[in-house]
Every structure is written in C-alpha cells, then in structure tokens.
Protein backbone atom coordinates (compact mmCIF):
# COMPACT_ATOMS: atom_id res chain seq x y z
CA MET A 1 50.40 50.40 70.52
CA GLU A 2 51.24 47.20 72.14
CA THR A 3 50.99 44.45 69.37
CA LYS A 4 51.00 41.34 71.60
CA ARG A 5 48.08 42.74 73.41
CA VAL A 6 46.27 43.54 70.20
CA LEU A 7 46.29 40.42 67.89
CA PRO A 8 44.41 38.55 70.72
CA ILE A 9 41.72 41.10 69.95
CA LEU A 10 42.32 41.02 66.53
CA PHE A 11 41.80 37.11 66.33
CA LEU A 12 38.55 37.30 68.76
CA VAL A 13 36.86 39.60 66.29
CA MET A 14 37.86 38.03 63.65
CA PHE A 15 37.05 34.06 64.47
CA LEU A 16 33.31 35.49 66.07
CA VAL A 17 32.91 37.12 62.29
CA MET A 18 33.58 34.08 60.66
CA VAL A 19 31.74 32.16 63.32
CA GLY A 20 28.81 34.70 62.40
CA PHE A 21 29.13 33.93 58.66
CA GLY A 22 29.94 30.25 59.05
CA ILE A 23 26.86 29.12 61.01
CA ILE A 24 24.25 29.89 58.09
CA ILE A 25 26.33 28.19 55.29
CA PRO A 26 25.25 24.55 56.37
CA VAL A 27 21.09 25.94 56.46
CA LEU A 28 21.33 28.50 53.35
CA PRO A 29 20.16 26.16 50.83
CA PHE A 30 17.46 24.38 52.43
CA TYR A 31 15.77 28.04 53.66
CA ALA A 32 16.57 29.10 50.25
CA GLU A 33 15.02 26.24 48.77
CA GLU A 34 12.05 26.33 50.95
CA ILE A 35 11.57 30.20 50.17
CA GLY A 36 11.31 29.19 46.24
CA ALA A 37 14.51 28.76 45.10
CA SER A 38 15.73 26.27 42.32
CA PRO A 39 19.26 25.32 41.98
CA ALA A 40 20.72 27.73 39.58
CA GLN A 41 18.87 30.64 41.55
CA LEU A 42 21.05 29.25 44.88
CA GLY A 43 24.01 29.31 42.79
CA TRP A 44 23.80 33.30 42.15
CA LEU A 45 22.72 33.45 45.93
CA MET A 46 25.75 32.16 46.72
CA ALA A 47 27.87 33.92 43.84
CA VAL A 48 26.17 37.56 44.46
CA TYR A 49 27.61 37.81 47.81
CA SER A 50 31.21 37.10 46.41
CA LEU A 51 30.63 39.54 43.47
CA MET A 52 29.81 42.13 46.07
CA GLN A 53 32.47 41.48 47.55
CA LEU A 54 34.79 41.79 44.66
CA ILE A 55 33.48 45.24 44.01
CA PHE A 56 33.21 46.83 47.17
CA ALA A 57 36.40 45.65 48.72
CA PRO A 58 39.15 47.74 47.12
CA ILE A 59 36.64 50.92 48.05
CA TRP A 60 36.62 50.41 51.99
CA GLY A 61 40.46 49.54 51.83
CA LYS A 62 40.99 52.72 50.67
CA VAL A 63 38.25 54.42 52.52
CA SER A 64 39.74 53.04 55.79
CA ASP A 65 43.46 54.59 54.92
CA ARG A 66 41.55 57.66 54.82
CA ILE A 67 38.99 57.53 57.89
CA GLY A 68 40.67 54.79 60.06
CA ARG A 69 40.36 51.41 60.68
CA LYS A 70 38.38 50.78 63.51
CA PRO A 71 35.15 52.84 61.86
CA VAL A 72 35.18 50.54 58.56
CA ILE A 73 35.49 47.55 61.01
CA LEU A 74 32.63 48.79 62.73
CA LEU A 75 30.51 49.20 59.62
CA GLY A 76 31.55 46.07 58.12
CA ILE A 77 30.60 43.92 61.29
CA ALA A 78 26.93 46.05 61.87
CA GLY A 79 26.19 45.31 57.89
CA LEU A 80 27.28 41.55 58.41
CA SER A 81 24.56 41.90 61.70
CA ILE A 82 22.06 43.55 59.65
CA SER A 83 22.21 40.96 56.80
CA PHE A 84 21.51 38.24 58.96
CA PHE A 85 18.53 39.32 60.39
CA LEU A 86 17.23 40.41 57.11
CA GLN A 87 18.05 37.05 55.76
CA ALA A 88 15.87 35.57 59.03
CA PHE A 89 13.46 37.71 57.72
CA SER A 90 12.94 37.22 54.08
CA GLY A 91 9.74 35.44 52.62
CA GLN A 92 10.35 36.02 49.45
CA LEU A 93 13.32 35.07 47.25
CA TRP A 94 13.67 38.77 46.21
CA MET A 95 14.50 39.94 49.75
CA LEU A 96 17.25 37.01 50.55
CA PHE A 97 19.26 37.79 47.24
CA ALA A 98 18.69 41.97 48.63
CA ALA A 99 19.62 40.73 51.90
CA ARG A 100 23.11 38.87 50.47
CA MET A 101 24.15 41.81 48.58
CA ILE A 102 23.42 44.04 51.42
CA GLY A 103 26.13 41.67 53.40
CA GLY A 104 28.09 41.33 50.58
CA ILE A 105 28.67 44.80 50.31
CA LEU A 106 29.21 46.00 53.99
CA SER A 107 30.84 42.89 55.30
CA SER A 108 33.67 43.01 52.65
CA ALA A 109 34.69 45.65 54.42
CA ASN A 110 36.04 43.08 57.35
CA MET A 111 38.93 41.16 56.18
CA PRO A 112 41.01 43.88 53.94
CA THR A 113 40.68 46.55 56.99
CA VAL A 114 41.49 43.76 59.81
CA MET A 115 44.76 42.92 57.45
CA ALA A 116 45.24 46.61 57.14
CA TYR A 117 45.23 46.96 60.61
CA VAL A 118 47.46 44.41 61.32
CA ALA A 119 49.90 45.98 58.76
CA ASP A 120 49.71 49.27 60.64
CA ILE A 121 50.61 47.74 64.16
CA THR A 122 53.08 45.30 63.40
CA SER A 123 57.03 45.78 62.20
CA GLU A 124 57.82 44.35 58.86
CA GLU A 125 59.68 41.73 60.77
CA ASN A 126 56.46 40.46 62.40
CA ARG A 127 54.02 41.31 59.42
CA GLY A 128 53.50 37.24 58.81
CA LYS A 129 52.79 36.37 62.42
CA GLY A 130 50.64 39.30 62.50
CA MET A 131 48.57 37.91 59.05
CA GLY A 132 49.09 33.88 60.34
CA VAL A 133 46.85 35.38 63.36
CA VAL A 134 44.03 36.39 61.22
CA GLY A 135 44.12 33.25 58.86
CA ALA A 136 43.94 31.37 61.90
CA ALA A 137 40.96 33.16 63.24
CA THR A 138 39.19 32.89 60.09
CA GLY A 139 39.83 29.27 59.77
CA LEU A 140 38.88 28.46 62.99
CA GLY A 141 35.58 30.68 62.56
CA PHE A 142 34.57 28.60 59.52
CA VAL A 143 35.19 25.34 61.34
CA PHE A 144 33.20 26.30 64.29
CA GLY A 145 30.55 28.11 62.28
CA PRO A 146 28.88 25.67 60.18
CA ALA A 147 28.78 22.74 63.13
CA ILE A 148 26.97 25.40 65.44
CA GLY A 149 24.41 26.39 62.39
CA GLY A 150 23.78 22.64 61.60
CA VAL A 151 22.93 21.81 65.72
CA PHE A 152 20.76 24.83 65.56
CA SER A 153 18.88 24.55 62.42
CA LYS A 154 17.18 21.29 63.89
CA ILE A 155 15.33 24.01 66.08
CA SER A 156 14.25 25.96 62.87
CA LEU A 157 15.78 27.34 59.58
CA THR A 158 15.83 30.78 60.35
CA MET A 159 17.38 29.89 63.92
CA PRO A 160 20.89 29.68 62.93
CA PHE A 161 20.17 33.04 61.00
CA PHE A 162 19.10 34.90 64.51
CA LEU A 163 21.73 33.37 65.90
CA ALA A 164 24.80 34.72 63.18
CA GLY A 165 23.20 38.14 63.37
CA ALA A 166 23.28 38.13 67.25
CA THR A 167 26.99 36.94 67.36
CA SER A 168 28.04 40.07 65.07
CA ALA A 169 25.81 42.16 67.29
CA ILE A 170 28.17 41.14 70.16
CA THR A 171 31.24 41.27 68.01
CA PHE A 172 30.16 45.26 67.12
CA ILE A 173 30.02 46.03 71.12
CA LEU A 174 33.63 44.18 71.63
CA VAL A 175 35.26 45.97 68.85
CA LEU A 176 33.30 49.68 69.86
CA LEU A 177 34.60 49.00 73.43
CA ILE A 178 38.14 47.40 73.25
CA LEU A 179 40.01 48.40 70.08
CA LYS A 180 41.58 51.35 69.76
CA GLU A 181 42.33 52.77 66.53
CA SER A 182 45.45 51.78 64.49
CA LEU A 183 46.35 54.90 61.91
CA PRO A 184 46.78 57.78 63.45
CA LYS A 185 45.31 61.26 61.98
CA GLU A 186 48.59 62.26 60.57
CA LYS A 187 49.16 59.42 58.47
CA ARG A 188 45.46 59.30 57.56
CA GLN A 189 45.83 63.10 56.30
CA LYS A 190 48.81 61.60 54.24
CA GLN A 191 46.41 58.83 52.80
CA SER A 192 43.91 61.74 51.81
CA GLU A 193 46.52 64.02 50.09
CA ASN A 194 46.97 60.72 48.06
CA LYS A 195 44.15 60.96 45.05
CA SER A 196 45.03 58.02 43.34
CA SER A 197 42.76 55.14 42.30
CA ARG A 198 42.27 52.48 44.36
CA TRP A 199 44.03 50.87 41.76
CA SER A 200 47.26 52.40 42.54
CA ALA A 201 48.43 49.31 44.89
CA PHE A 202 48.17 47.39 41.21
CA THR A 203 51.30 48.27 40.09
CA GLY A 204 54.97 47.26 39.22
CA SER A 205 56.09 43.80 40.35
CA VAL A 206 53.84 43.72 42.93
CA SER A 207 50.91 43.57 40.68
CA ILE A 208 51.95 39.63 39.95
CA LEU A 209 51.52 38.48 43.56
CA PHE A 210 47.49 39.45 43.14
CA PHE A 211 47.27 36.86 40.00
CA LEU A 212 49.17 34.59 42.33
CA GLN A 213 46.37 34.63 45.07
CA LEU A 214 43.63 34.12 41.94
CA PHE A 215 45.14 31.19 40.80
CA ILE A 216 45.63 29.85 44.59
CA SER A 217 41.81 30.81 45.56
CA LEU A 218 40.53 29.13 42.29
CA SER A 219 41.77 25.95 42.90
CA LEU A 220 40.87 26.03 46.31
CA SER A 221 37.04 26.85 45.84
CA GLY A 222 36.86 24.12 42.96
CA LEU A 223 38.19 21.60 45.62
CA GLU A 224 35.93 22.95 48.19
CA ALA A 225 33.00 22.49 45.37
CA THR A 226 33.60 19.05 44.16
CA PHE A 227 35.44 17.58 46.77
CA ALA A 228 31.92 15.64 48.64
CA TYR A 229 31.27 14.45 45.43
CA PHE A 230 34.93 13.15 44.77
CA ALA A 231 35.06 11.39 48.27
CA ALA A 232 31.14 9.82 48.09
CA LYS A 233 32.49 8.50 44.54
CA LYS A 234 35.93 7.25 45.44
CA ALA A 235 34.87 5.96 49.25
CA ASP A 236 31.61 6.34 50.02
CA LEU A 237 31.86 8.86 52.27
CA GLY A 238 28.66 10.54 54.02
CA THR A 239 27.95 14.12 55.16
CA VAL A 240 28.75 13.44 58.64
CA GLN A 241 32.35 12.43 57.64
CA LEU A 242 33.12 14.96 55.43
CA GLY A 243 31.80 17.51 58.40
CA TYR A 244 35.11 15.62 60.47
CA ILE A 245 37.27 15.39 57.29
CA PHE A 246 36.97 19.45 56.61
CA MET A 247 37.17 20.04 60.85
CA ILE A 248 40.72 18.08 61.10
CA MET A 249 41.35 20.29 58.10
CA GLY A 250 40.73 23.52 59.14
CA LEU A 251 42.09 22.76 62.78
CA ALA A 252 45.81 21.48 61.35
CA SER A 253 45.39 24.80 58.94
CA ALA A 254 44.55 27.29 61.29
CA ILE A 255 47.12 25.86 63.92
CA VAL A 256 49.80 26.30 61.31
CA GLN A 257 48.90 29.94 59.98
CA GLY A 258 48.32 30.91 63.92
CA GLY A 259 51.76 29.15 65.22
CA LEU A 260 54.20 28.66 62.57
CA VAL A 261 53.94 31.31 59.78
CA GLY A 262 55.13 34.14 62.19
CA LYS A 263 58.43 32.05 62.67
CA LEU A 264 58.83 30.89 59.37
CA THR A 265 58.48 34.01 57.58
CA LYS A 266 60.87 35.81 60.53
CA LYS A 267 63.17 33.09 59.73
CA TYR A 268 63.31 32.15 55.91
CA GLY A 269 61.29 35.27 54.59
CA GLU A 270 57.77 35.51 53.04
CA GLY A 271 58.73 34.53 49.50
CA ALA A 272 60.25 30.78 51.00
CA VAL A 273 57.20 30.59 52.80
CA ILE A 274 54.66 30.91 49.62
CA GLN A 275 56.88 28.87 47.49
CA ALA A 276 56.95 25.92 50.03
CA GLY A 277 53.31 26.57 50.76
CA ILE A 278 52.45 26.27 46.53
CA VAL A 279 54.31 23.04 46.71
CA VAL A 280 52.79 21.17 49.51
CA SER A 281 49.45 22.39 48.37
CA ALA A 282 50.18 20.74 44.53
CA ILE A 283 51.27 17.61 46.20
CA GLY A 284 48.67 17.69 47.98
CA PHE A 285 46.13 17.92 45.09
CA GLY A 286 47.95 14.82 43.65
CA LEU A 287 47.23 13.00 46.69
CA ILE A 288 43.42 13.84 46.86
CA LEU A 289 43.53 11.42 43.21
CA LEU A 290 44.31 8.53 45.70
CA VAL A 291 41.61 8.76 48.07
CA ASN A 292 39.92 5.32 49.06
CA SER A 293 39.21 5.77 52.79
CA PHE A 294 38.15 8.26 55.28
CA THR A 295 41.78 8.57 56.71
CA THR A 296 43.16 8.86 53.53
CA ALA A 297 40.81 11.21 52.62
CA ALA A 298 41.53 12.80 55.96
CA ILE A 299 45.12 12.97 55.83
CA PHE A 300 45.56 14.13 51.90
CA LEU A 301 43.36 16.84 52.54
CA THR A 302 45.13 18.13 55.64
CA ILE A 303 48.15 18.02 53.53
CA PHE A 304 46.63 20.23 50.73
CA GLY A 305 45.09 22.27 53.60
CA ILE A 306 48.32 22.86 55.64
CA GLY A 307 50.14 24.23 52.26
CA ASN A 308 46.81 26.12 51.20
CA GLY A 309 46.52 27.82 54.46
CA VAL A 310 50.28 29.31 54.82
CA ILE A 311 50.34 31.45 51.21
CA ARG A 312 47.35 34.09 52.16
CA PRO A 313 49.11 35.47 55.32
CA SER A 314 52.40 35.19 53.86
CA VAL A 315 51.20 37.01 50.27
CA SER A 316 49.34 39.61 52.61
CA ALA A 317 52.26 40.88 54.35
CA LEU A 318 54.78 40.90 51.49
CA ILE A 319 52.11 43.06 49.56
CA THR A 320 51.79 45.56 52.33
CA LYS A 321 55.63 45.18 52.74
CA LYS A 322 56.19 45.95 48.98
CA SER A 323 53.12 48.23 47.54
CA VAL A 324 53.52 51.51 47.33
CA ALA A 325 49.68 52.30 48.61
CA GLY A 326 48.21 52.72 51.64
CA HIS A 327 47.77 49.43 53.27
CA GLY A 328 44.11 49.15 53.16
CA SER A 329 43.86 49.68 49.85
CA SER A 330 46.39 46.80 48.97
CA THR A 331 44.77 44.06 51.21
CA GLY A 332 41.00 45.51 49.79
CA LEU A 333 42.75 44.91 46.11
CA LEU A 334 43.96 41.52 47.49
CA SER A 335 40.34 40.59 49.11
CA SER A 336 38.74 41.06 45.70
CA PHE A 337 41.27 38.92 43.64
CA ASP A 338 40.41 36.62 46.39
CA SER A 339 36.87 36.76 45.34
CA LEU A 340 37.05 36.68 42.28
CA GLY A 341 38.53 32.89 42.54
CA ARG A 342 35.78 32.53 44.98
CA ILE A 343 33.56 32.96 42.06
CA ILE A 344 34.85 31.71 39.06
CA GLY A 345 36.37 28.33 41.24
CA PRO A 346 32.90 26.79 41.66
CA PRO A 347 31.38 26.47 38.48
CA LEU A 348 34.50 25.72 36.78
CA GLY A 349 35.68 22.86 38.99
CA GLY A 350 31.85 21.68 38.53
CA TRP A 351 32.26 21.43 35.08
CA LEU A 352 35.70 19.95 35.13
CA PHE A 353 34.03 17.09 37.95
CA ALA A 354 31.46 16.71 35.25
CA ILE A 355 33.77 15.39 32.42
CA GLN A 356 35.92 13.53 34.70
CA ALA A 357 35.97 13.41 38.38
CA GLY A 358 39.36 13.91 39.40
CA LEU A 359 40.20 16.52 36.78
CA PRO A 360 39.66 19.63 39.36
CA TYR A 361 42.37 18.40 41.37
CA ILE A 362 44.59 17.77 38.20
CA SER A 363 43.54 21.53 37.26
CA GLY A 364 44.35 22.31 40.93
CA VAL A 365 48.22 20.85 40.62
CA ILE A 366 48.39 22.78 37.15
CA LEU A 367 46.90 26.24 39.23
CA SER A 368 49.59 25.55 41.64
CA ILE A 369 52.51 24.86 39.38
CA ILE A 370 51.12 28.37 37.45
CA ALA A 371 51.27 30.09 40.43
CA PHE A 372 54.81 29.06 41.67
CA ILE A 373 56.17 30.36 38.12
CA LEU A 374 54.27 33.86 39.21
CA TYR A 375 56.47 33.76 42.25
CA ARG A 376 59.52 33.22 40.33
CA ILE A 377 58.44 35.93 37.71
CA TYR A 378 58.00 38.18 40.88
CA VAL A 379 61.20 37.75 42.00
CA VAL A 380 63.16 38.28 38.60
CA LYS A 381 61.14 41.43 38.03
CA SER A 382 61.58 42.81 41.56
CA SER A 383 65.44 42.32 41.61
CA LYS A 384 65.46 44.15 38.23
CA THR A 385 63.48 47.20 39.47
CA ILE A 386 66.13 47.32 42.57
CA PHE A 387 69.16 47.11 40.15
CA TYR A 388 67.66 49.78 37.98
CA ASN A 389 67.02 51.89 41.08
CA GLU A 390 70.66 51.77 42.15
C-alpha cells in the first residue's frame, strides 16, 4: 500500500471527524441548558462521553485487530453521525444523555483504529510522521469545528448538530469509497488466534508509557477547563479573544505535528522528541503564570501547545513499535488512558483554580516533571529487559 497516497486520505478523514466533533462544542452547554440541564448535569453530560470512550476504545482496538480496520472506522463514523442527529432531535435531557453515550461508545472506535491503520502502513522509521499527520488533522479539526459551530448556532441551536451529523455522513461515504483495508486477512488470522485480553498491550516496560500519556492528558485538560477564567482574571480577555488564542495555539501545534514530528523522530528517535516535548510544555505552563495581555497569552499558550502537541504522536509511534500486542489493542488502550485524563483533568483543574488561580498551571509543571521521570524509568527498564534477553 502506497503510504504517501493513504496518509492524505487519513488526514482528511480525521480532519472531517474532528470538525464534526468540534462544531457542537460551543453550542452544547446552551442547548443542554435550554432542555433543562443544570451546571452539574452539564458536567456529567460532558464526562459521560469521555467515560464511554475510556471503556470502549480498547474493545474497538482489539476488534480491529481481528476483523480489519476499515469496518471499525466505518462503524465509528456512522455512530458519530447518528449521535449528532439524535442530539439534534433530543427534546428531553435523558435523550441527550442517551445520544451522548451512543456517540461515546461508537466514536471511540475512530482514533485508536486510525492510529492502528497508520501503524499498519508505515515502517518503524516513518511511524512518527504518520502519527504526526493524524495528530495535525485532529488539531486542525478542533480549530475549525468550534468556529463553524459558533457561526451556525446563530441560525438555531440545533443547526450545528445537523451540520455535524451531515459532515460525519459525508466522511462515512468518503471512507467507504476510497479507503482500502490496511490489515490483510492472513495478519487478521494471526490476531484472531491471539486470545489474550485487550489489556495484553499493558505489559512490561511499555506500560509506563501509558501512564506518561495519562499525566500529559491530565495536565492538558486541566488547562483547557480553567484557562478562560484565568485569562479573564489576569488580562481581562473575553470569549472572542480566547477563541483567537486557542486558534493560534491549535494551528501552531498542528503545523509542528504535521511537518516536524516525522522529521524529528526519524533523526533523533521518539524518546528524544517525547522528552523535549515534555520540557517545552512544562516551560509553557510556567510562562502562563505570567500572562498579562492578549499577546503574552497567545505566545505562552502556543509554546505550551507546541510542546504538548509532539508528545502524543511520538508516544503512539513508540508504543506500536514496542508492544507485543496488536496495533489496535495498543492504540485502543492508549486512547483509554487519554480519556481517563480528560475525565479527571477538568474537575481537578477547577478545584485547584478555586483554591488559587495559578495552581492548575503549577500542577501542570509538576505533572510534566512526573511524566519526564516516568520516561526515564521506561528507558532504564527497557535497557534492563534487553540486557536480560541477551
């Protein structure tokens, strides 16, 4: 399979999936409030989606190892489309919860299976580049999706949901027609013979990398949940200015992921890129404490975004290289740890912010240091394993 031809298709697929997902972000709180959700219920409405992804991502990853990538990607995109339309027609709160749960269960198939697809079609040398392309598509989708959603919400609060559903339906047709299967039947048969648990990827020194990703996800989601309040307090920034700041950060992160991760991992290896990314994001966290204007907020958040952006693709590439489990099982479990960070991060960040405005960012520095130490432990354990095997 021609990797150069397939990666742009995967980029487009993940971009459209994330645009669809991002479209509803600015409107969901107001839509839920209109139906009758309290602030606490809105929190649960956001969390239940990530909770379903936490539970089901490893299952879909394992399923894709057995039946192939394309059917599982199609199922994930179809599930996303259905959940958006169900949300658009939700007249009661329980219907909105059900639609979010269905969306979380089925859409959790997308990210791990696409990452497994990338692992199937790339050599170990070019794995980082492939994962970076997927990361860039995801980042750009999050940049453009909310902006589109904000514009169309002025027509009606349900319009962004219909638009997101239609975008996902178009993506489904695109995948059905032009994306070829990446996992041949003979390789699937080998995977089917492997009756091990979906937790089989969580063994040996590689398991440390999953916890590393958890801490990175935890620190990022804590920042996302609190930065609007912090910027308003420190620099009197409004929602429009914040939108521009997150757009600048997202674009910078996507450019680095799509253009630099592959070159850097090829030249220096995933380990060096992971460590550099952690150091840069820790510096970004520290600098955020000094925000006092739109310019400083944009620059410091972008520094953080660039550092954070290179970590996930590099961790994904390293895990698929080192894990003895199938690519789908490995990437599915990684997505679960990511989701766990997104579940714990926002309430933790909110609680820390309530104590003292700078605490979420100080804790971000601490979590980054822990992640760095975890990588060093992984290196030591890996070298011991190689030594004993020899």
